[in-house]
């Protein structure tokens, strides 16, 4: 939301996070085994379902999500902040 605000006004004592993109993932695999829950879905295409709540994210899927989702989303956000604030993009 702050990417479109001009001017941005905050308390100097505010604790805020840096600009970034987070994709939470919770691995519930061990819990699911204990209570008898298993994943049983159908999908078509290599990356239709790159992550599951029942296992760790694989390296191939992690690389795909980073390059195809997280980095482009981060770049879009940085560009929106720079554009909306009338500043050049750094880094």
PDB file of N, CA and C in Angstrom:
ATOM      1  N   UNK A   1       0.821  -1.188   0.000  1.00  0.00           N
ATOM      2  CA  UNK A   1       0.000   0.000   0.000  1.00  0.00           C
ATOM      3  C   UNK A   1       0.862   1.248   0.000  1.00  0.00           C
ATOM      4  N   UNK A   2       1.986   1.185   0.673  1.00  0.00           N
ATOM      5  CA  UNK A   2       2.839   2.367   0.772  1.00  0.00           C
ATOM      6  C   UNK A   2       3.474   2.727  -0.560  1.00  0.00           C
ATOM      7  N   UNK A   3       3.458   1.823  -1.532  1.00  0.00           N
ATOM      8  CA  UNK A   3       4.115   2.117  -2.804  1.00  0.00           C
ATOM      9  C   UNK A   3       3.450   3.261  -3.549  1.00  0.00           C
ATOM     10  N   UNK A   4       2.159   3.517  -3.299  1.00  0.00           N
ATOM     11  CA  UNK A   4       1.450   4.563  -4.026  1.00  0.00           C
ATOM     12  C   UNK A   4       1.231   5.834  -3.209  1.00  0.00           C
ATOM     13  N   UNK A   5       1.691   5.860  -1.984  1.00  0.00           N
ATOM     14  CA  UNK A   5       1.443   6.998  -1.101  1.00  0.00           C
ATOM     15  C   UNK A   5       2.511   8.067  -1.301  1.00  0.00           C
ATOM     16  N   UNK A   6       2.059   9.313  -1.498  1.00  0.00           N
ATOM     17  CA  UNK A   6       2.973  10.449  -1.598  1.00  0.00           C
ATOM     18  C   UNK A   6       2.397  11.587  -0.790  1.00  0.00           C
ATOM     19  N   UNK A   7       3.027  12.158   0.172  1.00  0.00           N
ATOM     20  CA  UNK A   7       4.267  11.677   0.773  1.00  0.00           C
ATOM     21  C   UNK A   7       3.973  10.561   1.756  1.00  0.00           C
ATOM     22  N   UNK A   8       4.972   9.762   1.996  1.00  0.00           N
ATOM     23  CA  UNK A   8       4.862   8.675   2.964  1.00  0.00           C
ATOM     24  C   UNK A   8       5.230   9.236   4.333  1.00  0.00           C
ATOM     25  N   UNK A   9       4.307   9.160   5.275  1.00  0.00           N
ATOM     26  CA  UNK A   9       4.538   9.707   6.608  1.00  0.00           C
ATOM     27  C   UNK A   9       4.497   8.564   7.614  1.00  0.00           C
ATOM     28  N   UNK A  10       5.589   8.427   8.386  1.00  0.00           N
ATOM     29  CA  UNK A  10       5.651   7.391   9.411  1.00  0.00           C
ATOM     30  C   UNK A  10       6.307   7.963  10.652  1.00  0.00           C
ATOM     31  N   UNK A  11       6.035   7.340  11.756  1.00  0.00           N
ATOM     32  CA  UNK A  11       6.692   7.700  12.998  1.00  0.00           C
ATOM     33  C   UNK A  11       8.143   7.247  12.918  1.00  0.00           C
ATOM     34  N   UNK A  12       9.086   8.097  13.338  1.00  0.00           N
ATOM     35  CA  UNK A  12      10.497   7.726  13.226  1.00  0.00           C
ATOM     36  C   UNK A  12      10.861   6.527  14.090  1.00  0.00           C
ATOM     37  N   UNK A  13      10.020   6.169  15.023  1.00  0.00           N
ATOM     38  CA  UNK A  13      10.260   4.994  15.858  1.00  0.00           C
ATOM     39  C   UNK A  13       9.547   3.753  15.342  1.00  0.00           C
ATOM     40  N   UNK A  14       8.891   3.856  14.204  1.00  0.00           N
ATOM     41  CA  UNK A  14       8.187   2.703  13.646  1.00  0.00           C
ATOM     42  C   UNK A  14       9.187   1.620  13.251  1.00  0.00           C
ATOM     43  N   UNK A  15       8.823   0.395  13.482  1.00  0.00           N
ATOM     44  CA  UNK A  15       9.646  -0.734  13.064  1.00  0.00           C
ATOM     45  C   UNK A  15       8.945  -1.363  11.872  1.00  0.00           C
ATOM     46  N   UNK A  16       9.567  -1.236  10.711  1.00  0.00           N
ATOM     47  CA  UNK A  16       8.951  -1.728   9.482  1.00  0.00           C
ATOM     48  C   UNK A  16       9.918  -2.664   8.772  1.00  0.00           C
ATOM     49  N   UNK A  17       9.387  -3.516   7.952  1.00  0.00           N
ATOM     50  CA  UNK A  17      10.222  -4.438   7.197  1.00  0.00           C
ATOM     51  C   UNK A  17      10.766  -3.778   5.945  1.00  0.00           C
ATOM     52  N   UNK A  18      11.729  -4.432   5.342  1.00  0.00           N
ATOM     53  CA  UNK A  18      12.295  -3.928   4.100  1.00  0.00           C
ATOM     54  C   UNK A  18      11.383  -4.313   2.941  1.00  0.00           C
ATOM     55  N   UNK A  19      11.649  -3.718   1.805  1.00  0.00           N
ATOM     56  CA  UNK A  19      10.897  -4.064   0.604  1.00  0.00           C
ATOM     57  C   UNK A  19      11.263  -5.484   0.217  1.00  0.00           C
ATOM     58  N   UNK A  20      10.277  -6.304  -0.012  1.00  0.00           N
ATOM     59  CA  UNK A  20      10.548  -7.676  -0.394  1.00  0.00           C
ATOM     60  C   UNK A  20       9.271  -8.444  -0.651  1.00  0.00           C
ATOM     61  N   UNK A  21       9.418  -9.670  -1.034  1.00  0.00           N
ATOM     62  CA  UNK A  21       8.296 -10.556  -1.332  1.00  0.00           C
ATOM     63  C   UNK A  21       8.485 -11.830  -0.532  1.00  0.00           C
ATOM     64  N   UNK A  22       7.453 -12.247   0.172  1.00  0.00           N
ATOM     65  CA  UNK A  22       7.511 -13.461   0.979  1.00  0.00           C
ATOM     66  C   UNK A  22       6.427 -14.421   0.503  1.00  0.00           C
ATOM     67  N   UNK A  23       6.789 -15.661   0.388  1.00  0.00           N
ATOM     68  CA  UNK A  23       5.825 -16.709   0.047  1.00  0.00           C
ATOM     69  C   UNK A  23       5.867 -17.739   1.167  1.00  0.00           C
ATOM     70  N   UNK A  24       4.966 -17.630   2.133  1.00  0.00           N
ATOM     71  CA  UNK A  24       5.001 -18.579   3.251  1.00  0.00           C
ATOM     72  C   UNK A  24       4.715 -20.007   2.784  1.00  0.00           C
ATOM     73  N   UNK A  25       5.338 -20.944   3.455  1.00  0.00           N
ATOM     74  CA  UNK A  25       5.095 -22.351   3.166  1.00  0.00           C
ATOM     75  C   UNK A  25       5.231 -23.116   4.470  1.00  0.00           C
ATOM     76  N   UNK A  26       4.247 -23.896   4.799  1.00  0.00           N
ATOM     77  CA  UNK A  26       4.251 -24.687   6.023  1.00  0.00           C
ATOM     78  C   UNK A  26       4.276 -26.154   5.646  1.00  0.00           C
ATOM     79  N   UNK A  27       5.209 -26.898   6.226  1.00  0.00           N
ATOM     80  CA  UNK A  27       5.309 -28.318   5.958  1.00  0.00           C
ATOM     81  C   UNK A  27       4.580 -29.066   7.074  1.00  0.00           C
ATOM     82  N   UNK A  28       3.405 -29.585   6.756  1.00  0.00           N
ATOM     83  CA  UNK A  28       2.580 -30.305   7.729  1.00  0.00           C
ATOM     84  C   UNK A  28       2.651 -31.819   7.542  1.00  0.00           C
ATOM     85  N   UNK A  29       3.664 -32.272   6.817  1.00  0.00           N
ATOM     86  CA  UNK A  29       3.763 -33.683   6.476  1.00  0.00           C
ATOM     87  C   UNK A  29       3.783 -34.621   7.661  1.00  0.00           C
ATOM     88  N   UNK A  30       4.607 -34.343   8.670  1.00  0.00           N
ATOM     89  CA  UNK A  30       4.688 -35.227   9.836  1.00  0.00           C
ATOM     90  C   UNK A  30       3.382 -35.246  10.615  1.00  0.00           C
ATOM     91  N   UNK A  31       2.768 -34.085  10.794  1.00  0.00           N
ATOM     92  CA  UNK A  31       1.476 -34.020  11.477  1.00  0.00           C
ATOM     93  C   UNK A  31       0.420 -34.800  10.700  1.00  0.00           C
ATOM     94  N   UNK A  32       0.404 -34.628   9.399  1.00  0.00           N
ATOM     95  CA  UNK A  32      -0.574 -35.335   8.563  1.00  0.00           C
ATOM     96  C   UNK A  32      -0.430 -36.845   8.702  1.00  0.00           C
ATOM     97  N   UNK A  33       0.814 -37.326   8.751  1.00  0.00           N
ATOM     98  CA  UNK A  33       1.042 -38.769   8.928  1.00  0.00           C
ATOM     99  C   UNK A  33       0.474 -39.242  10.263  1.00  0.00           C
ATOM    100  N   UNK A  34       0.696 -38.459  11.311  1.00  0.00           N
ATOM    101  CA  UNK A  34       0.231 -38.846  12.646  1.00  0.00           C
ATOM    102  C   UNK A  34      -1.277 -38.966  12.733  1.00  0.00           C
ATOM    103  N   UNK A  35      -1.999 -38.086  12.027  1.00  0.00           N
ATOM    104  CA  UNK A  35      -3.460 -38.104  12.141  1.00  0.00           C
ATOM    105  C   UNK A  35      -4.139 -38.766  10.943  1.00  0.00           C
ATOM    106  N   UNK A  36      -3.327 -39.296  10.026  1.00  0.00           N
ATOM    107  CA  UNK A  36      -3.884 -40.065   8.916  1.00  0.00           C
ATOM    108  C   UNK A  36      -4.436 -39.248   7.767  1.00  0.00           C
ATOM    109  N   UNK A  37      -3.835 -38.108   7.508  1.00  0.00           N
ATOM    110  CA  UNK A  37      -4.252 -37.277   6.376  1.00  0.00           C
ATOM    111  C   UNK A  37      -3.203 -37.390   5.279  1.00  0.00           C
ATOM    112  N   UNK A  38      -3.659 -37.634   4.076  1.00  0.00           N
ATOM    113  CA  UNK A  38      -2.718 -37.667   2.962  1.00  0.00           C
ATOM    114  C   UNK A  38      -3.237 -36.820   1.813  1.00  0.00           C
ATOM    115  N   UNK A  39      -2.312 -36.339   1.046  1.00  0.00           N
ATOM    116  CA  UNK A  39      -2.652 -35.507  -0.112  1.00  0.00           C
ATOM    117  C   UNK A  39      -2.943 -36.421  -1.294  1.00  0.00           C
ATOM    118  N   UNK A  40      -4.003 -36.136  -1.999  1.00  0.00           N
ATOM    119  CA  UNK A  40      -4.382 -36.954  -3.144  1.00  0.00           C
ATOM    120  C   UNK A  40      -5.039 -36.049  -4.172  1.00  0.00           C
ATOM    121  N   UNK A  41      -4.219 -35.380  -4.951  1.00  0.00           N
ATOM    122  CA  UNK A  41      -4.779 -34.464  -5.946  1.00  0.00           C
ATOM    123  C   UNK A  41      -4.337 -34.864  -7.346  1.00  0.00           C
ATOM    124  N   UNK A  42      -4.948 -34.255  -8.311  1.00  0.00           N
ATOM    125  CA  UNK A  42      -4.617 -34.487  -9.709  1.00  0.00           C
ATOM    126  C   UNK A  42      -4.241 -33.150 -10.327  1.00  0.00           C
ATOM    127  N   UNK A  43      -3.237 -33.178 -11.176  1.00  0.00           N
ATOM    128  CA  UNK A  43      -2.860 -31.950 -11.870  1.00  0.00           C
ATOM    129  C   UNK A  43      -2.252 -32.316 -13.211  1.00  0.00           C
ATOM    130  N   UNK A  44      -2.197 -31.334 -14.073  1.00  0.00           N
ATOM    131  CA  UNK A  44      -1.627 -31.523 -15.392  1.00  0.00           C
ATOM    132  C   UNK A  44      -0.631 -30.412 -15.644  1.00  0.00           C
ATOM    133  N   UNK A  45       0.540 -30.748 -16.056  1.00  0.00           N
ATOM    134  CA  UNK A  45       1.572 -29.753 -16.306  1.00  0.00           C
ATOM    135  C   UNK A  45       2.634 -29.803 -15.223  1.00  0.00           C
ATOM    136  N   UNK A  46       3.876 -29.580 -15.629  1.00  0.00           N
ATOM    137  CA  UNK A  46       5.007 -29.754 -14.725  1.00  0.00           C
ATOM    138  C   UNK A  46       4.927 -28.883 -13.482  1.00  0.00           C
ATOM    139  N   UNK A  47       4.512 -27.639 -13.631  1.00  0.00           N
ATOM    140  CA  UNK A  47       4.491 -26.729 -12.483  1.00  0.00           C
ATOM    141  C   UNK A  47       3.084 -26.291 -12.084  1.00  0.00           C
ATOM    142  N   UNK A  48       2.099 -27.132 -12.319  1.00  0.00           N
ATOM    143  CA  UNK A  48       0.739 -26.801 -11.887  1.00  0.00           C
ATOM    144  C   UNK A  48       0.659 -26.699 -10.383  1.00  0.00           C
ATOM    145  N   UNK A  49       1.441 -27.506  -9.708  1.00  0.00           N
ATOM    146  CA  UNK A  49       1.434 -27.506  -8.255  1.00  0.00           C
ATOM    147  C   UNK A  49       2.884 -27.625  -7.773  1.00  0.00           C
ATOM    148  N   UNK A  50       3.601 -26.497  -7.761  1.00  0.00           N
ATOM    149  CA  UNK A  50       5.021 -26.574  -7.427  1.00  0.00           C
ATOM    150  C   UNK A  50       5.317 -26.795  -5.950  1.00  0.00           C
ATOM    151  N   UNK A  51       4.344 -26.553  -5.071  1.00  0.00           N
ATOM    152  CA  UNK A  51       4.572 -26.804  -3.652  1.00  0.00           C
ATOM    153  C   UNK A  51       3.381 -27.525  -3.043  1.00  0.00           C
ATOM    154  N   UNK A  52       3.665 -28.162  -1.915  1.00  0.00           N
ATOM    155  CA  UNK A  52       2.648 -28.899  -1.177  1.00  0.00           C
ATOM    156  C   UNK A  52       2.824 -28.615   0.301  1.00  0.00           C
ATOM    157  N   UNK A  53       1.743 -28.587   1.041  1.00  0.00           N
ATOM    158  CA  UNK A  53       1.825 -28.404   2.488  1.00  0.00           C
ATOM    159  C   UNK A  53       2.272 -29.677   3.194  1.00  0.00           C
ATOM    160  N   UNK A  54       2.464 -30.752   2.439  1.00  0.00           N
ATOM    161  CA  UNK A  54       2.789 -32.034   3.036  1.00  0.00           C
ATOM    162  C   UNK A  54       4.238 -32.466   2.816  1.00  0.00           C
ATOM    163  N   UNK A  55       5.061 -31.615   2.206  1.00  0.00           N
ATOM    164  CA  UNK A  55       6.470 -31.956   2.013  1.00  0.00           C
ATOM    165  C   UNK A  55       7.286 -30.686   1.812  1.00  0.00           C
ATOM    166  N   UNK A  56       8.602 -30.836   1.924  1.00  0.00           N
ATOM    167  CA  UNK A  56       9.496 -29.715   1.694  1.00  0.00           C
ATOM    168  C   UNK A  56       9.493 -29.355   0.215  1.00  0.00           C
ATOM    169  N   UNK A  57       9.800 -28.102  -0.064  1.00  0.00           N
ATOM    170  CA  UNK A  57       9.890 -27.651  -1.453  1.00  0.00           C
ATOM    171  C   UNK A  57      11.196 -28.172  -2.040  1.00  0.00           C
ATOM    172  N   UNK A  58      11.109 -28.814  -3.197  1.00  0.00           N
ATOM    173  CA  UNK A  58      12.299 -29.340  -3.871  1.00  0.00           C
ATOM    174  C   UNK A  58      13.130 -28.216  -4.473  1.00  0.00           C
ATOM    175  N   UNK A  59      14.391 -28.491  -4.746  1.00  0.00           N
ATOM    176  CA  UNK A  59      15.283 -27.472  -5.302  1.00  0.00           C
ATOM    177  C   UNK A  59      14.820 -26.977  -6.668  1.00  0.00           C
ATOM    178  N   UNK A  60      14.347 -27.886  -7.522  1.00  0.00           N
ATOM    179  CA  UNK A  60      13.867 -27.504  -8.852  1.00  0.00           C
ATOM    180  C   UNK A  60      12.647 -26.596  -8.739  1.00  0.00           C
ATOM    181  N   UNK A  61      11.722 -26.943  -7.858  1.00  0.00           N
ATOM    182  CA  UNK A  61      10.512 -26.141  -7.651  1.00  0.00           C
ATOM    183  C   UNK A  61      10.858 -24.801  -6.996  1.00  0.00           C
ATOM    184  N   UNK A  62      11.792 -24.829  -6.061  1.00  0.00           N
ATOM    185  CA  UNK A  62      12.232 -23.600  -5.399  1.00  0.00           C
ATOM    186  C   UNK A  62      12.824 -22.623  -6.421  1.00  0.00           C
ATOM    187  N   UNK A  63      13.682 -23.136  -7.299  1.00  0.00           N
ATOM    188  CA  UNK A  63      14.299 -22.293  -8.336  1.00  0.00           C
ATOM    189  C   UNK A  63      13.224 -21.725  -9.279  1.00  0.00           C
ATOM    190  N   UNK A  64      12.273 -22.557  -9.649  1.00  0.00           N
ATOM    191  CA  UNK A  64      11.183 -22.107 -10.523  1.00  0.00           C
ATOM    192  C   UNK A  64      10.366 -20.996  -9.863  1.00  0.00           C
ATOM    193  N   UNK A  65       9.961 -21.205  -8.630  1.00  0.00           N
ATOM    194  CA  UNK A  65       9.156 -20.194  -7.929  1.00  0.00           C
ATOM    195  C   UNK A  65       9.937 -18.900  -7.745  1.00  0.00           C
ATOM    196  N   UNK A  66      11.222 -19.012  -7.441  1.00  0.00           N
ATOM    197  CA  UNK A  66      12.043 -17.817  -7.272  1.00  0.00           C
ATOM    198  C   UNK A  66      12.132 -17.033  -8.574  1.00  0.00           C
ATOM    199  N   UNK A  67      12.422 -17.728  -9.683  1.00  0.00           N
ATOM    200  CA  UNK A  67      12.635 -17.030 -10.956  1.00  0.00           C
ATOM    201  C   UNK A  67      11.339 -16.606 -11.646  1.00  0.00           C
ATOM    202  N   UNK A  68      10.282 -17.371 -11.475  1.00  0.00           N
ATOM    203  CA  UNK A  68       9.050 -17.098 -12.213  1.00  0.00           C
ATOM    204  C   UNK A  68       7.966 -16.381 -11.409  1.00  0.00           C
ATOM    205  N   UNK A  69       8.099 -16.350 -10.089  1.00  0.00           N
ATOM    206  CA  UNK A  69       7.061 -15.729  -9.264  1.00  0.00           C
ATOM    207  C   UNK A  69       7.632 -14.655  -8.337  1.00  0.00           C
ATOM    208  N   UNK A  70       8.554 -15.048  -7.473  1.00  0.00           N
ATOM    209  CA  UNK A  70       9.025 -14.117  -6.449  1.00  0.00           C
ATOM    210  C   UNK A  70       9.840 -12.951  -7.022  1.00  0.00           C
ATOM    211  N   UNK A  71      10.830 -13.244  -7.857  1.00  0.00           N
ATOM    212  CA  UNK A  71      11.655 -12.166  -8.416  1.00  0.00           C
ATOM    213  C   UNK A  71      10.841 -11.229  -9.304  1.00  0.00           C
ATOM    214  N   UNK A  72       9.991 -11.723 -10.219  1.00  0.00           N
ATOM    215  CA  UNK A  72       9.170 -10.797 -10.997  1.00  0.00           C
ATOM    216  C   UNK A  72       8.221  -9.961 -10.120  1.00  0.00           C
ATOM    217  N   UNK A  73       7.650 -10.568  -9.092  1.00  0.00           N
ATOM    218  CA  UNK A  73       6.768  -9.824  -8.196  1.00  0.00           C
ATOM    219  C   UNK A  73       7.541  -8.745  -7.459  1.00  0.00           C
ATOM    220  N   UNK A  74       8.724  -9.078  -6.983  1.00  0.00           N
ATOM    221  CA  UNK A  74       9.589  -8.109  -6.311  1.00  0.00           C
ATOM    222  C   UNK A  74       9.925  -6.952  -7.250  1.00  0.00           C
ATOM    223  N   UNK A  75      10.318  -7.267  -8.483  1.00  0.00           N
ATOM    224  CA  UNK A  75      10.655  -6.221  -9.457  1.00  0.00           C
ATOM    225  C   UNK A  75       9.461  -5.333  -9.771  1.00  0.00           C
ATOM    226  N   UNK A  76       8.269  -5.924  -9.902  1.00  0.00           N
ATOM    227  CA  UNK A  76       7.062  -5.124 -10.134  1.00  0.00           C
ATOM    228  C   UNK A  76       6.823  -4.167  -8.977  1.00  0.00           C
ATOM    229  N   UNK A  77       7.014  -4.639  -7.762  1.00  0.00           N
ATOM    230  CA  UNK A  77       6.801  -3.811  -6.582  1.00  0.00           C
ATOM    231  C   UNK A  77       7.808  -2.663  -6.527  1.00  0.00           C
ATOM    232  N   UNK A  78       9.082  -2.967  -6.741  1.00  0.00           N
ATOM    233  CA  UNK A  78      10.121  -1.935  -6.735  1.00  0.00           C
ATOM    234  C   UNK A  78       9.832  -0.883  -7.808  1.00  0.00           C
ATOM    235  N   UNK A  79       9.444  -1.328  -8.985  1.00  0.00           N
ATOM    236  CA  UNK A  79       9.116  -0.385 -10.061  1.00  0.00           C
ATOM    237  C   UNK A  79       7.914   0.480  -9.697  1.00  0.00           C
ATOM    238  N   UNK A  80       6.901  -0.111  -9.066  1.00  0.00           N
ATOM    239  CA  UNK A  80       5.722   0.664  -8.654  1.00  0.00           C
ATOM    240  C   UNK A  80       6.099   1.705  -7.609  1.00  0.00           C
ATOM    241  N   UNK A  81       6.938   1.334  -6.655  1.00  0.00           N
ATOM    242  CA  UNK A  81       7.376   2.291  -5.630  1.00  0.00           C
ATOM    243  C   UNK A  81       8.121   3.447  -6.295  1.00  0.00           C
ATOM    244  N   UNK A  82       9.078   3.135  -7.157  1.00  0.00           N
ATOM    245  CA  UNK A  82       9.866   4.175  -7.821  1.00  0.00           C
ATOM    246  C   UNK A  82       8.982   5.079  -8.675  1.00  0.00           C
ATOM    247  N   UNK A  83       8.086   4.487  -9.440  1.00  0.00           N
ATOM    248  CA  UNK A  83       7.198   5.272 -10.301  1.00  0.00           C
ATOM    249  C   UNK A  83       6.272   6.162  -9.490  1.00  0.00           C
ATOM    250  N   UNK A  84       5.624   5.595  -8.484  1.00  0.00           N
ATOM    251  CA  UNK A  84       4.662   6.352  -7.687  1.00  0.00           C
ATOM    252  C   UNK A  84       5.309   7.439  -6.830  1.00  0.00           C
ATOM    253  N   UNK A  85       6.570   7.274  -6.518  1.00  0.00           N
ATOM    254  CA  UNK A  85       7.264   8.295  -5.724  1.00  0.00           C
ATOM    255  C   UNK A  85       8.104   9.232  -6.588  1.00  0.00           C
ATOM    256  N   UNK A  86       8.123   8.978  -7.884  1.00  0.00           N
ATOM    257  CA  UNK A  86       8.864   9.842  -8.805  1.00  0.00           C
ATOM    258  C   UNK A  86      10.364   9.776  -8.580  1.00  0.00           C
ATOM    259  N   UNK A  87      10.869   8.591  -8.253  1.00  0.00           N
ATOM    260  CA  UNK A  87      12.301   8.427  -8.044  1.00  0.00           C
ATOM    261  C   UNK A  87      12.832   7.351  -8.959  1.00  0.00           C
ATOM    262  N   UNK A  88      14.152   7.335  -9.130  1.00  0.00           N
ATOM    263  CA  UNK A  88      14.734   6.294  -9.982  1.00  0.00           C
ATOM    264  C   UNK A  88      14.927   5.026  -9.162  1.00  0.00           C
ATOM    265  N   UNK A  89      14.916   3.933  -9.849  1.00  0.00           N
ATOM    266  CA  UNK A  89      15.108   2.635  -9.184  1.00  0.00           C
ATOM    267  C   UNK A  89      16.598   2.443  -8.940  1.00  0.00           C
ATOM    268  N   UNK A  90      16.932   2.063  -7.720  1.00  0.00           N
ATOM    269  CA  UNK A  90      18.326   1.773  -7.376  1.00  0.00           C
ATOM    270  C   UNK A  90      18.549   0.277  -7.402  1.00  0.00           C
ATOM    271  N   UNK A  91      19.794  -0.102  -7.678  1.00  0.00           N
ATOM    272  CA  UNK A  91      20.189  -1.515  -7.593  1.00  0.00           C
ATOM    273  C   UNK A  91      19.542  -2.310  -8.585  1.00  0.00           C
TER     274      UNK A  91
END
